[in-house]
Amino acid sequence: MLLIQRHHGLRAHPGQIGLPGGSMDRGDHALWQTALREAFEEVAVPPDAVRPLGYADPVRVHHTGFLITPLVASLAREFVPSLSLTEVESCFWMPLLDGPGSAEIVRRRVPTRLGDLEVPGYLFEEHFVWGATGMIVDDLRRRLGAPVAGPTAIP
């Protein structure tokens, strides 16, 4: 699964791990168009390299009011990511299923607007995947029959 580290200069969720994506623009007529446009803008995923499979369960982020509707897709061909340097600091591939080199389910203390909280998530290399992104990973792993980190409450 392709994940990004958001740029540290962003107003919302700076430096956090997320998925390529964002809000609908006026020219987007469907959520899948938003997902493909944002993935191209953020990490240069060519739209013709993506095979949409469907949507995962929506995730509500309470403190921002966002409702995230993840588009699940497979790649029809390989591509080389190219980052939008104003939005993305880095990107990486994290395996969804357990095996050699997979993510470890852990609990960590993270700073939030409510103070430090201990939250479940996934540790992959130096990246801690938690919050809304962790909930999306949980949903996909649950559908594949893998253990999950959750439940996660997002303040």
Protein backbone atom coordinates (compact mmCIF):
# COMPACT_ATOMS: atom_id res chain seq x y z
CA MET A 1 0.00 0.00 0.00
CA LEU A 2 1.36 3.42 -0.98
CA LEU A 3 1.60 5.83 1.95
CA ILE A 4 2.93 9.38 2.15
CA GLN A 5 4.48 11.52 4.84
CA ARG A 6 2.75 14.87 4.69
CA HIS A 7 4.96 17.94 4.37
CA HIS A 8 5.88 19.48 7.75
CA GLY A 9 4.80 22.93 6.50
CA LEU A 10 1.15 21.96 5.93
CA ARG A 11 -1.54 23.48 8.11
CA ALA A 12 -3.44 20.22 8.69
CA HIS A 13 -1.68 17.08 9.97
CA PRO A 14 1.88 18.26 9.22
CA GLY A 15 4.45 15.47 9.06
CA GLN A 16 1.87 12.73 9.60
CA ILE A 17 1.60 9.54 7.59
CA GLY A 18 -1.38 9.43 5.26
CA LEU A 19 -2.68 8.20 1.96
CA PRO A 20 -2.53 10.13 -1.29
CA GLY A 21 -5.79 12.04 -1.50
CA GLY A 22 -7.64 15.17 -0.61
CA SER A 23 -10.82 17.17 -0.98
CA MET A 24 -13.05 17.23 -4.03
CA ASP A 25 -12.58 20.05 -6.51
CA ARG A 26 -15.41 21.57 -8.53
CA GLY A 27 -14.24 19.63 -11.61
CA ASP A 28 -14.47 16.26 -9.82
CA HIS A 29 -17.78 14.57 -10.58
CA ALA A 30 -17.14 11.50 -8.42
CA LEU A 31 -14.98 10.49 -5.47
CA TRP A 32 -12.88 8.16 -7.63
CA GLN A 33 -11.98 11.15 -9.84
CA THR A 34 -10.83 13.05 -6.74
CA ALA A 35 -8.72 10.08 -5.63
CA LEU A 36 -7.03 9.70 -9.03
CA ARG A 37 -6.44 13.46 -9.42
CA GLU A 38 -4.96 13.82 -5.93
CA ALA A 39 -2.76 10.71 -6.31
CA PHE A 40 -1.39 12.20 -9.53
CA GLU A 41 -0.87 15.67 -7.97
CA GLU A 42 0.83 14.36 -4.82
CA VAL A 43 2.97 11.44 -6.03
CA ALA A 44 2.48 11.33 -9.83
CA VAL A 45 0.45 8.11 -9.96
CA PRO A 46 -0.65 7.99 -13.62
CA PRO A 47 -4.45 7.60 -13.73
CA ASP A 48 -4.14 4.97 -16.47
CA ALA A 49 -1.94 2.88 -14.14
CA VAL A 50 -4.75 2.54 -11.58
CA ARG A 51 -7.46 -0.12 -11.61
CA PRO A 52 -10.19 0.99 -9.13
CA LEU A 53 -11.65 -1.92 -7.14
CA GLY A 54 -14.15 -0.15 -4.88
CA TYR A 55 -14.39 1.89 -1.70
CA ALA A 56 -13.35 0.96 1.84
CA ASP A 57 -15.44 2.01 4.84
CA PRO A 58 -15.58 5.80 5.32
CA VAL A 59 -13.65 7.21 8.29
CA ARG A 60 -14.78 10.37 10.12
CA VAL A 61 -12.07 12.67 11.50
CA HIS A 62 -13.95 14.39 14.30
CA HIS A 63 -11.73 17.42 15.00
CA THR A 64 -11.59 18.48 11.33
CA GLY A 65 -15.05 17.32 10.29
CA PHE A 66 -13.66 15.44 7.30
CA LEU A 67 -15.22 12.22 6.10
CA ILE A 68 -12.57 10.16 4.31
CA THR A 69 -13.88 7.72 1.70
CA PRO A 70 -10.90 5.57 0.64
CA LEU A 71 -10.75 4.31 -2.94
CA VAL A 72 -9.17 0.87 -3.07
CA ALA A 73 -7.29 0.21 -6.28
CA SER A 74 -4.59 -1.99 -7.71
CA LEU A 75 -1.82 -0.92 -10.03
CA ALA A 76 -2.15 -2.04 -13.63
CA ARG A 77 1.53 -1.20 -14.16
CA GLU A 78 4.51 0.06 -12.23
CA PHE A 79 5.34 3.75 -11.96
CA VAL A 80 8.05 5.86 -10.34
CA PRO A 81 6.65 8.21 -7.67
CA SER A 82 7.50 11.90 -8.08
CA LEU A 83 6.61 13.99 -5.04
CA SER A 84 4.80 17.31 -4.90
CA LEU A 85 7.37 18.95 -2.65
CA THR A 86 4.85 21.41 -1.19
CA GLU A 87 2.55 18.61 -0.01
CA VAL A 88 4.61 15.44 0.44
CA GLU A 89 7.96 14.91 2.21
CA SER A 90 8.31 11.24 1.28
CA CYS A 91 6.39 8.17 0.22
CA PHE A 92 6.83 4.48 0.88
CA TRP A 93 5.21 1.12 0.23
CA MET A 94 3.92 -0.76 3.29
CA PRO A 95 2.76 -4.38 2.96
CA LEU A 96 -0.81 -4.93 4.14
CA LEU A 97 -0.34 -8.57 5.09
CA ASP A 98 1.99 -10.09 7.67
CA GLY A 99 5.23 -11.66 6.53
CA PRO A 100 8.90 -10.80 6.17
CA GLY A 101 9.35 -7.02 6.28
CA SER A 102 5.75 -6.37 7.34
CA ALA A 103 4.44 -3.74 9.73
CA GLU A 104 4.32 -4.45 13.46
CA ILE A 105 1.17 -3.72 15.49
CA VAL A 106 2.19 -1.44 18.40
CA ARG A 107 0.90 1.21 20.80
CA ARG A 108 2.70 4.56 21.00
CA ARG A 109 2.32 7.91 22.70
CA VAL A 110 1.66 10.69 20.20
CA PRO A 111 1.13 14.42 20.70
CA THR A 112 -2.42 15.57 19.92
CA ARG A 113 -4.40 18.74 20.56
CA LEU A 114 -5.67 17.00 23.73
CA GLY A 115 -2.15 16.25 24.96
CA ASP A 116 -0.13 13.06 24.59
CA LEU A 117 -2.28 9.99 23.97
CA GLU A 118 -1.33 6.33 23.71
CA VAL A 119 -2.78 5.02 20.44
CA PRO A 120 -2.66 1.78 18.47
CA GLY A 121 -1.05 1.70 15.07
CA TYR A 122 1.51 0.11 12.80
CA LEU A 123 5.26 0.53 12.98
CA PHE A 124 6.85 0.07 9.58
CA GLU A 125 10.52 0.92 9.27
CA GLU A 126 10.71 4.37 10.93
CA HIS A 127 7.05 5.23 10.22
CA PHE A 128 4.20 5.08 12.73
CA VAL A 129 0.83 4.71 10.98
CA TRP A 130 -2.09 5.64 13.25
CA GLY A 131 -5.28 7.71 13.46
CA ALA A 132 -7.46 7.87 10.37
CA THR A 133 -4.78 6.22 8.23
CA GLY A 134 -4.43 3.43 10.81
CA MET A 135 -8.21 2.93 10.75
CA ILE A 136 -8.14 2.58 6.95
CA VAL A 137 -5.27 0.09 7.20
CA ASP A 138 -7.28 -1.79 9.88
CA ASP A 139 -10.32 -1.97 7.57
CA LEU A 140 -8.30 -3.35 4.67
CA ARG A 141 -6.38 -5.82 6.86
CA ARG A 142 -9.63 -7.01 8.49
CA ARG A 143 -11.11 -7.67 5.03
CA LEU A 144 -7.99 -9.72 4.18
CA GLY A 145 -8.21 -11.72 7.42
CA ALA A 146 -5.14 -10.18 9.07
CA PRO A 147 -4.86 -8.96 12.70
CA VAL A 148 -5.59 -5.26 13.22
CA ALA A 149 -4.23 -2.56 15.53
CA GLY A 150 -7.52 -0.77 16.38
CA PRO A 151 -9.80 0.37 17.77
CA THR A 152 -8.62 3.93 17.34
CA ALA A 153 -10.43 7.00 18.59
CA ILE A 154 -9.48 10.14 16.70
CA PRO A 155 -9.77 13.24 18.88
